[in-house]
C-alpha cells in the first residue's frame, strides 16, 4: 500500500483503512471535506497530516490548523473534533492504550 495513493473516487464518508491492529492501532484516514462531532476517546492518539490540511478544535474553543507534516498529540479524554479538512486530507493516526496517570497528575 502507498499511503499517498487515493482511489479514483472517494466515498461520501471518510475512508478509514487499518494499517496495524492490536493494542496499538495505526489507521490511514482520507477526509474529503468532512468534519466530525466531539470525541472523548479512552485511547491516546497521535496524528500526522500527510497531505492536505485539517483543523482540530478543542473544548474551550482553541483551534489547531495542521498542514502536511504537522502532528498533534491527543491524550485520552481530551475533548476535540475535526472542524475542517481539505479535499482531500490524508491523516496517519496512531492509537494506543492511555498512559496511566501518576499520583502527581503527570
N, C-alpha and C. Protein backbone atom coordinates (compact mmCIF):
# COMPACT_ATOMS: atom_id res chain seq x y z
N UNK A 1 0.83 -1.18 0.00
CA UNK A 1 0.00 0.00 0.00
C UNK A 1 0.87 1.24 0.00
N UNK A 2 0.47 2.21 -0.74
CA UNK A 2 1.12 3.53 -0.74
C UNK A 2 0.19 4.48 0.01
N UNK A 3 0.66 5.07 1.11
CA UNK A 3 -0.22 5.91 1.93
C UNK A 3 -0.68 7.18 1.22
N UNK A 4 -0.01 7.54 0.12
CA UNK A 4 -0.40 8.74 -0.61
C UNK A 4 -1.36 8.44 -1.76
N UNK A 5 -1.49 7.17 -2.15
CA UNK A 5 -2.35 6.80 -3.28
C UNK A 5 -3.82 6.89 -2.86
N UNK A 6 -4.61 7.51 -3.70
CA UNK A 6 -6.04 7.67 -3.44
C UNK A 6 -6.84 6.87 -4.46
N UNK A 7 -8.02 6.38 -4.04
CA UNK A 7 -8.88 5.71 -5.02
C UNK A 7 -9.35 6.71 -6.07
N UNK A 8 -9.74 6.20 -7.22
CA UNK A 8 -10.20 7.07 -8.30
C UNK A 8 -11.37 7.94 -7.85
N UNK A 9 -12.25 7.39 -7.00
CA UNK A 9 -13.39 8.14 -6.48
C UNK A 9 -13.47 7.90 -4.98
N UNK A 10 -13.47 8.99 -4.22
CA UNK A 10 -13.56 8.87 -2.76
C UNK A 10 -15.01 8.67 -2.34
N UNK A 11 -15.25 7.87 -1.31
CA UNK A 11 -16.62 7.67 -0.83
C UNK A 11 -17.16 8.94 -0.17
N UNK A 12 -18.46 8.99 0.06
CA UNK A 12 -19.09 10.16 0.69
C UNK A 12 -18.61 10.32 2.13
N UNK A 13 -18.35 9.22 2.81
CA UNK A 13 -17.84 9.25 4.18
C UNK A 13 -16.31 9.20 4.16
N UNK A 14 -15.69 9.53 5.28
CA UNK A 14 -14.24 9.38 5.36
C UNK A 14 -13.85 7.94 5.08
N UNK A 15 -12.71 7.78 4.46
CA UNK A 15 -12.16 6.46 4.18
C UNK A 15 -11.19 6.12 5.31
N UNK A 16 -11.51 5.09 6.08
CA UNK A 16 -10.67 4.67 7.21
C UNK A 16 -10.09 3.31 6.87
N UNK A 17 -8.77 3.24 6.83
CA UNK A 17 -8.09 2.00 6.47
C UNK A 17 -7.13 1.59 7.59
N UNK A 18 -7.40 0.47 8.26
CA UNK A 18 -6.48 -0.02 9.27
C UNK A 18 -5.18 -0.49 8.62
N UNK A 19 -4.06 -0.05 9.18
CA UNK A 19 -2.75 -0.48 8.70
C UNK A 19 -2.10 -1.45 9.67
N UNK A 20 -2.47 -1.33 10.95
CA UNK A 20 -1.95 -2.22 12.00
C UNK A 20 -3.03 -2.32 13.07
N UNK A 21 -3.31 -3.53 13.52
CA UNK A 21 -4.30 -3.70 14.57
C UNK A 21 -3.63 -4.35 15.78
N UNK A 22 -4.26 -4.24 16.92
CA UNK A 22 -3.72 -4.78 18.16
C UNK A 22 -3.83 -3.73 19.23
N UNK A 23 -3.00 -3.85 20.28
CA UNK A 23 -3.03 -2.88 21.37
C UNK A 23 -2.73 -1.48 20.85
N UNK A 24 -1.77 -1.40 19.94
CA UNK A 24 -1.51 -0.15 19.22
C UNK A 24 -2.11 -0.30 17.83
N UNK A 25 -2.90 0.68 17.43
CA UNK A 25 -3.60 0.64 16.14
C UNK A 25 -3.14 1.81 15.29
N UNK A 26 -2.87 1.54 14.02
CA UNK A 26 -2.50 2.60 13.08
C UNK A 26 -3.51 2.60 11.95
N UNK A 27 -4.02 3.79 11.63
CA UNK A 27 -5.00 3.93 10.56
C UNK A 27 -4.59 5.05 9.61
N UNK A 28 -4.92 4.84 8.35
CA UNK A 28 -4.86 5.93 7.37
C UNK A 28 -6.30 6.38 7.20
N UNK A 29 -6.53 7.67 7.36
CA UNK A 29 -7.86 8.24 7.18
C UNK A 29 -7.77 9.27 6.06
N UNK A 30 -8.64 9.13 5.09
CA UNK A 30 -8.71 10.10 4.00
C UNK A 30 -10.02 10.86 4.16
N UNK A 31 -9.90 12.15 4.46
CA UNK A 31 -11.05 13.04 4.56
C UNK A 31 -11.19 13.77 3.24
N UNK A 32 -12.41 14.15 2.95
CA UNK A 32 -12.68 14.86 1.70
C UNK A 32 -13.65 16.00 2.00
N UNK A 33 -13.24 16.85 2.93
CA UNK A 33 -14.08 17.96 3.35
C UNK A 33 -14.95 17.65 4.56
N UNK A 34 -14.87 16.44 5.10
CA UNK A 34 -15.71 16.07 6.24
C UNK A 34 -15.21 16.74 7.53
N UNK A 35 -16.14 16.91 8.45
CA UNK A 35 -15.84 17.33 9.81
C UNK A 35 -16.41 16.25 10.74
N UNK A 36 -16.22 16.41 12.03
CA UNK A 36 -16.69 15.38 12.96
C UNK A 36 -17.45 15.99 14.13
N UNK A 37 -18.10 15.12 14.88
CA UNK A 37 -18.64 15.51 16.18
C UNK A 37 -17.52 15.48 17.20
N UNK A 38 -17.88 15.68 18.45
CA UNK A 38 -16.89 15.71 19.53
C UNK A 38 -16.43 14.31 19.90
N UNK A 39 -15.12 14.17 20.08
CA UNK A 39 -14.52 12.92 20.54
C UNK A 39 -14.10 13.08 22.00
N UNK A 40 -14.27 12.01 22.77
CA UNK A 40 -13.75 11.89 24.13
C UNK A 40 -13.28 10.44 24.23
N UNK A 41 -12.12 10.18 23.67
CA UNK A 41 -11.61 8.82 23.48
C UNK A 41 -10.93 8.28 24.71
N UNK A 42 -11.04 6.99 24.90
CA UNK A 42 -10.36 6.32 26.00
C UNK A 42 -8.89 6.03 25.67
N UNK A 43 -8.50 6.21 24.40
CA UNK A 43 -7.13 5.94 23.96
C UNK A 43 -6.36 7.25 23.76
N UNK A 44 -5.03 7.17 23.87
CA UNK A 44 -4.17 8.25 23.41
C UNK A 44 -4.11 8.17 21.89
N UNK A 45 -3.95 9.33 21.24
CA UNK A 45 -3.87 9.34 19.78
C UNK A 45 -2.81 10.35 19.33
N UNK A 46 -2.00 9.92 18.38
CA UNK A 46 -1.05 10.80 17.71
C UNK A 46 -1.48 10.88 16.26
N UNK A 47 -1.58 12.09 15.72
CA UNK A 47 -1.98 12.25 14.32
C UNK A 47 -0.92 13.03 13.56
N UNK A 48 -0.80 12.70 12.29
CA UNK A 48 0.09 13.42 11.38
C UNK A 48 -0.68 13.63 10.08
N UNK A 49 -0.70 14.85 9.60
CA UNK A 49 -1.29 15.12 8.29
C UNK A 49 -0.21 14.84 7.25
N UNK A 50 -0.49 13.89 6.37
CA UNK A 50 0.47 13.54 5.32
C UNK A 50 0.29 14.41 4.07
N UNK A 51 -0.95 14.79 3.78
CA UNK A 51 -1.25 15.62 2.60
C UNK A 51 -2.50 16.42 2.89
N UNK A 52 -2.57 17.61 2.32
CA UNK A 52 -3.72 18.46 2.54
C UNK A 52 -3.60 19.17 3.88
N UNK A 53 -4.75 19.53 4.44
CA UNK A 53 -4.75 20.16 5.75
C UNK A 53 -6.05 19.91 6.47
N UNK A 54 -5.98 20.00 7.78
CA UNK A 54 -7.14 19.81 8.63
C UNK A 54 -7.05 20.73 9.83
N UNK A 55 -8.13 20.84 10.55
CA UNK A 55 -8.14 21.67 11.74
C UNK A 55 -8.82 20.92 12.87
N UNK A 56 -8.17 20.93 14.03
CA UNK A 56 -8.74 20.36 15.24
C UNK A 56 -9.24 21.49 16.11
N UNK A 57 -10.41 21.30 16.69
CA UNK A 57 -10.95 22.25 17.66
C UNK A 57 -11.04 21.52 18.99
N UNK A 58 -10.61 22.20 20.05
CA UNK A 58 -10.60 21.61 21.37
C UNK A 58 -11.70 22.23 22.22
N UNK A 59 -12.19 21.48 23.21
CA UNK A 59 -13.16 22.04 24.16
C UNK A 59 -12.57 23.32 24.72
N UNK A 60 -13.34 24.35 24.78
CA UNK A 60 -12.83 25.65 25.20
C UNK A 60 -12.59 26.58 24.02
N UNK A 61 -12.61 26.02 22.78
CA UNK A 61 -12.55 26.87 21.60
C UNK A 61 -11.21 26.98 20.89
N UNK A 62 -10.12 26.51 21.50
CA UNK A 62 -8.82 26.61 20.82
C UNK A 62 -8.84 25.75 19.57
N UNK A 63 -8.25 26.28 18.49
CA UNK A 63 -8.17 25.57 17.22
C UNK A 63 -6.71 25.38 16.83
N UNK A 64 -6.43 24.26 16.17
CA UNK A 64 -5.08 23.95 15.71
C UNK A 64 -5.15 23.54 14.25
N UNK A 65 -4.57 24.35 13.38
CA UNK A 65 -4.53 24.04 11.95
C UNK A 65 -3.32 23.16 11.70
N UNK A 66 -3.52 22.05 11.00
CA UNK A 66 -2.45 21.11 10.68
C UNK A 66 -2.30 21.04 9.17
N UNK A 67 -1.09 21.25 8.71
CA UNK A 67 -0.76 21.12 7.29
C UNK A 67 0.17 19.92 7.11
N UNK A 68 0.42 19.54 5.89
CA UNK A 68 1.25 18.37 5.60
C UNK A 68 2.53 18.41 6.44
N UNK A 69 2.75 17.34 7.19
CA UNK A 69 3.93 17.23 8.04
C UNK A 69 3.68 17.60 9.49
N UNK A 70 2.57 18.29 9.78
CA UNK A 70 2.26 18.69 11.15
C UNK A 70 1.67 17.52 11.92
N UNK A 71 1.92 17.50 13.23
CA UNK A 71 1.43 16.44 14.10
C UNK A 71 0.69 17.04 15.29
N UNK A 72 -0.11 16.21 15.93
CA UNK A 72 -0.79 16.60 17.16
C UNK A 72 -0.85 15.39 18.08
N UNK A 73 -0.73 15.64 19.38
CA UNK A 73 -0.85 14.60 20.40
C UNK A 73 -2.17 14.84 21.12
N UNK A 74 -3.00 13.82 21.16
CA UNK A 74 -4.33 13.91 21.77
C UNK A 74 -4.42 12.88 22.89
N UNK A 75 -4.08 13.28 24.12
CA UNK A 75 -4.16 12.32 25.21
C UNK A 75 -5.61 11.88 25.42
N UNK A 76 -5.77 10.71 25.99
CA UNK A 76 -7.10 10.17 26.26
C UNK A 76 -7.96 11.22 26.96
N UNK A 77 -9.22 11.28 26.55
CA UNK A 77 -10.26 12.13 27.13
C UNK A 77 -10.05 13.62 26.89
N UNK A 78 -9.16 13.99 25.98
CA UNK A 78 -9.06 15.39 25.55
C UNK A 78 -10.19 15.60 24.55
N UNK A 79 -11.19 16.37 24.93
CA UNK A 79 -12.33 16.59 24.02
C UNK A 79 -11.86 17.41 22.83
N UNK A 80 -12.13 16.86 21.65
CA UNK A 80 -11.73 17.52 20.41
C UNK A 80 -12.65 17.10 19.28
N UNK A 81 -12.60 17.85 18.20
CA UNK A 81 -13.33 17.49 16.99
C UNK A 81 -12.55 17.99 15.79
N UNK A 82 -12.83 17.41 14.64
CA UNK A 82 -12.24 17.88 13.38
C UNK A 82 -13.20 18.93 12.85
N UNK A 83 -12.74 20.18 12.78
CA UNK A 83 -13.61 21.29 12.39
C UNK A 83 -13.43 21.68 10.92
N UNK A 84 -12.38 21.15 10.27
CA UNK A 84 -12.16 21.45 8.85
C UNK A 84 -11.22 20.41 8.27
N UNK A 85 -11.46 20.00 7.03
CA UNK A 85 -10.48 19.23 6.25
C UNK A 85 -10.53 19.70 4.81
N UNK A 86 -9.37 19.70 4.19
CA UNK A 86 -9.31 20.00 2.76
C UNK A 86 -9.84 18.79 2.00
N UNK A 87 -9.97 18.95 0.72
CA UNK A 87 -10.45 17.85 -0.13
C UNK A 87 -9.36 17.52 -1.14
N UNK A 88 -8.55 16.50 -0.89
CA UNK A 88 -8.55 15.58 0.25
C UNK A 88 -7.57 15.99 1.34
N UNK A 89 -7.66 15.29 2.45
CA UNK A 89 -6.71 15.40 3.56
C UNK A 89 -6.39 13.97 3.98
N UNK A 90 -5.10 13.63 3.99
CA UNK A 90 -4.68 12.28 4.38
C UNK A 90 -4.04 12.36 5.77
N UNK A 91 -4.65 11.63 6.70
CA UNK A 91 -4.18 11.57 8.08
C UNK A 91 -3.53 10.21 8.34
N UNK A 92 -2.48 10.18 9.13
CA UNK A 92 -1.94 8.95 9.69
C UNK A 92 -2.19 9.05 11.20
N UNK A 93 -2.94 8.08 11.74
CA UNK A 93 -3.36 8.15 13.14
C UNK A 93 -2.87 6.91 13.88
N UNK A 94 -2.24 7.13 15.02
CA UNK A 94 -1.75 6.05 15.85
C UNK A 94 -2.48 6.12 17.18
N UNK A 95 -3.17 5.03 17.52
CA UNK A 95 -3.92 4.94 18.77
C UNK A 95 -3.23 3.93 19.67
N UNK A 96 -3.20 4.21 20.97
CA UNK A 96 -2.64 3.26 21.92
C UNK A 96 -3.38 3.39 23.24
N UNK A 97 -3.30 2.35 24.07
CA UNK A 97 -3.94 2.45 25.38
C UNK A 97 -3.42 3.68 26.13
N UNK A 98 -4.30 4.32 26.86
CA UNK A 98 -3.93 5.54 27.58
C UNK A 98 -2.83 5.26 28.60
N UNK A 99 -1.94 6.22 28.73
CA UNK A 99 -0.91 6.14 29.76
C UNK A 99 -1.58 6.32 31.12
N UNK A 100 -1.26 5.49 32.11
CA UNK A 100 -1.85 5.68 33.43
C UNK A 100 -1.40 7.02 34.02
N UNK A 101 -2.30 7.67 34.70
CA UNK A 101 -1.97 8.93 35.37
C UNK A 101 -1.23 8.62 36.67
N UNK A 102 -0.14 9.31 36.93
CA UNK A 102 0.58 9.11 38.18
C UNK A 102 -0.10 9.89 39.29
N UNK A 103 0.31 9.66 40.51
CA UNK A 103 -0.26 10.36 41.67
C UNK A 103 -0.02 11.86 41.56
N UNK A 104 1.04 12.26 40.86
CA UNK A 104 1.35 13.68 40.73
C UNK A 104 0.56 14.31 39.58
N UNK A 105 -0.23 13.52 38.84
CA UNK A 105 -1.04 14.07 37.77
C UNK A 105 -0.33 14.17 36.44
N UNK A 106 0.85 13.59 36.33
CA UNK A 106 1.62 13.65 35.09
C UNK A 106 1.25 12.55 34.16
